[in-house]
Amino acid sequence: MVTKLAIPPLREELQDLFKEVDKQTKGKRVTEKEILKEIQNYRLDKRAKKGA
């Protein structure tokens, strides 16, 4: 049996993520570690909303 996976469009997810990062940093310099942490938090929030 083969099942098609529902994969959200990556482009939209990244655009939303970059908008959120821009809003939070307000032009400040951000480290790679901070960016990765923000990505992880964004994905966890999105999964939590989907499961609720």
N, C-alpha and C. Protein backbone atom coordinates (compact mmCIF):
# COMPACT_ATOMS: atom_id res chain seq x y z
N MET A 1 0.84 -1.17 0.00
CA MET A 1 0.00 0.00 0.00
C MET A 1 0.89 1.24 0.00
N VAL A 2 0.56 2.19 -0.82
CA VAL A 2 1.31 3.44 -0.92
C VAL A 2 0.39 4.57 -0.49
N THR A 3 0.92 5.44 0.36
CA THR A 3 0.14 6.57 0.85
C THR A 3 0.86 7.86 0.50
N LYS A 4 0.12 8.82 0.00
CA LYS A 4 0.69 10.12 -0.35
C LYS A 4 0.81 10.96 0.91
N LEU A 5 1.98 11.52 1.13
CA LEU A 5 2.22 12.38 2.28
C LEU A 5 1.80 13.80 1.96
N ALA A 6 1.22 14.45 2.93
CA ALA A 6 0.86 15.86 2.78
C ALA A 6 2.03 16.69 3.29
N ILE A 7 2.76 17.29 2.38
CA ILE A 7 3.92 18.10 2.73
C ILE A 7 3.58 19.56 2.45
N PRO A 8 3.63 20.40 3.50
CA PRO A 8 3.29 21.81 3.29
C PRO A 8 4.32 22.49 2.40
N PRO A 9 3.89 23.50 1.66
CA PRO A 9 4.83 24.22 0.79
C PRO A 9 5.94 24.88 1.62
N LEU A 10 7.15 24.53 1.32
CA LEU A 10 8.30 25.04 2.07
C LEU A 10 8.47 26.54 1.89
N ARG A 11 8.20 27.01 0.69
CA ARG A 11 8.39 28.44 0.41
C ARG A 11 7.53 29.31 1.33
N GLU A 12 6.27 28.96 1.50
CA GLU A 12 5.38 29.73 2.36
C GLU A 12 5.84 29.67 3.81
N GLU A 13 6.25 28.51 4.25
CA GLU A 13 6.72 28.36 5.62
C GLU A 13 7.95 29.23 5.88
N LEU A 14 8.88 29.22 4.92
CA LEU A 14 10.09 30.04 5.08
C LEU A 14 9.77 31.53 5.05
N GLN A 15 8.86 31.94 4.18
CA GLN A 15 8.49 33.35 4.13
C GLN A 15 7.89 33.80 5.46
N ASP A 16 7.00 32.99 6.02
CA ASP A 16 6.42 33.31 7.32
C ASP A 16 7.49 33.38 8.40
N LEU A 17 8.41 32.44 8.34
CA LEU A 17 9.49 32.40 9.32
C LEU A 17 10.38 33.64 9.23
N PHE A 18 10.76 34.02 8.01
CA PHE A 18 11.62 35.19 7.83
C PHE A 18 10.92 36.47 8.27
N LYS A 19 9.62 36.57 8.02
CA LYS A 19 8.86 37.74 8.47
C LYS A 19 8.89 37.84 9.99
N GLU A 20 8.71 36.70 10.66
CA GLU A 20 8.73 36.68 12.12
C GLU A 20 10.11 37.05 12.66
N VAL A 21 11.16 36.54 12.05
CA VAL A 21 12.52 36.87 12.48
C VAL A 21 12.79 38.36 12.28
N ASP A 22 12.39 38.90 11.13
CA ASP A 22 12.58 40.33 10.87
C ASP A 22 11.84 41.18 11.90
N LYS A 23 10.63 40.77 12.22
CA LYS A 23 9.83 41.52 13.19
C LYS A 23 10.48 41.52 14.56
N GLN A 24 11.02 40.37 14.96
CA GLN A 24 11.62 40.25 16.29
C GLN A 24 12.98 40.91 16.41
N THR A 25 13.76 40.92 15.34
CA THR A 25 15.12 41.45 15.41
C THR A 25 15.19 42.95 15.16
N LYS A 26 14.27 43.49 14.40
CA LYS A 26 14.22 44.93 14.10
C LYS A 26 15.57 45.46 13.63
N GLY A 27 16.21 44.74 12.72
CA GLY A 27 17.46 45.20 12.13
C GLY A 27 18.71 44.85 12.90
N LYS A 28 18.60 44.19 14.04
CA LYS A 28 19.78 43.80 14.81
C LYS A 28 20.46 42.62 14.15
N ARG A 29 21.71 42.45 14.43
CA ARG A 29 22.47 41.31 13.91
C ARG A 29 22.09 40.07 14.71
N VAL A 30 21.81 38.97 14.01
CA VAL A 30 21.36 37.74 14.64
C VAL A 30 22.36 36.63 14.35
N THR A 31 22.66 35.82 15.38
CA THR A 31 23.59 34.71 15.20
C THR A 31 22.89 33.51 14.57
N GLU A 32 23.68 32.60 14.02
CA GLU A 32 23.13 31.39 13.42
C GLU A 32 22.40 30.56 14.48
N LYS A 33 22.95 30.52 15.67
CA LYS A 33 22.34 29.77 16.76
C LYS A 33 20.94 30.31 17.09
N GLU A 34 20.81 31.63 17.11
CA GLU A 34 19.51 32.24 17.38
C GLU A 34 18.50 31.93 16.27
N ILE A 35 18.97 31.92 15.04
CA ILE A 35 18.10 31.61 13.90
C ILE A 35 17.62 30.17 14.00
N LEU A 36 18.51 29.24 14.27
CA LEU A 36 18.13 27.84 14.38
C LEU A 36 17.14 27.61 15.53
N LYS A 37 17.35 28.31 16.63
CA LYS A 37 16.43 28.21 17.76
C LYS A 37 15.05 28.72 17.36
N GLU A 38 15.00 29.82 16.66
CA GLU A 38 13.73 30.39 16.21
C GLU A 38 13.01 29.44 15.25
N ILE A 39 13.75 28.82 14.36
CA ILE A 39 13.16 27.84 13.43
C ILE A 39 12.54 26.69 14.22
N GLN A 40 13.26 26.18 15.18
CA GLN A 40 12.76 25.08 15.99
C GLN A 40 11.48 25.49 16.75
N ASN A 41 11.49 26.66 17.35
CA ASN A 41 10.32 27.14 18.08
C ASN A 41 9.12 27.32 17.16
N TYR A 42 9.36 27.86 15.98
CA TYR A 42 8.29 28.07 15.00
C TYR A 42 7.66 26.74 14.62
N ARG A 43 8.48 25.75 14.34
CA ARG A 43 7.96 24.44 13.93
C ARG A 43 7.20 23.77 15.08
N LEU A 44 7.71 23.89 16.31
CA LEU A 44 7.01 23.31 17.45
C LEU A 44 5.66 23.98 17.66
N ASP A 45 5.61 25.29 17.53
CA ASP A 45 4.34 26.01 17.67
C ASP A 45 3.35 25.59 16.60
N LYS A 46 3.85 25.47 15.38
CA LYS A 46 2.98 25.10 14.27
C LYS A 46 2.41 23.68 14.46
N ARG A 47 3.25 22.76 14.93
CA ARG A 47 2.79 21.38 15.19
C ARG A 47 1.76 21.37 16.34
N ALA A 48 2.01 22.18 17.36
CA ALA A 48 1.09 22.23 18.50
C ALA A 48 -0.28 22.75 18.07
N LYS A 49 -0.29 23.75 17.20
CA LYS A 49 -1.56 24.31 16.71
C LYS A 49 -2.29 23.30 15.84
N LYS A 50 -1.55 22.53 15.08
CA LYS A 50 -2.15 21.53 14.20
C LYS A 50 -2.79 20.40 15.02
N GLY A 51 -2.16 20.03 16.11
CA GLY A 51 -2.65 18.95 16.95
C GLY A 51 -3.80 19.35 17.87
N ALA A 52 -3.97 20.63 18.08
CA ALA A 52 -5.00 21.12 19.03
C ALA A 52 -6.38 21.11 18.43
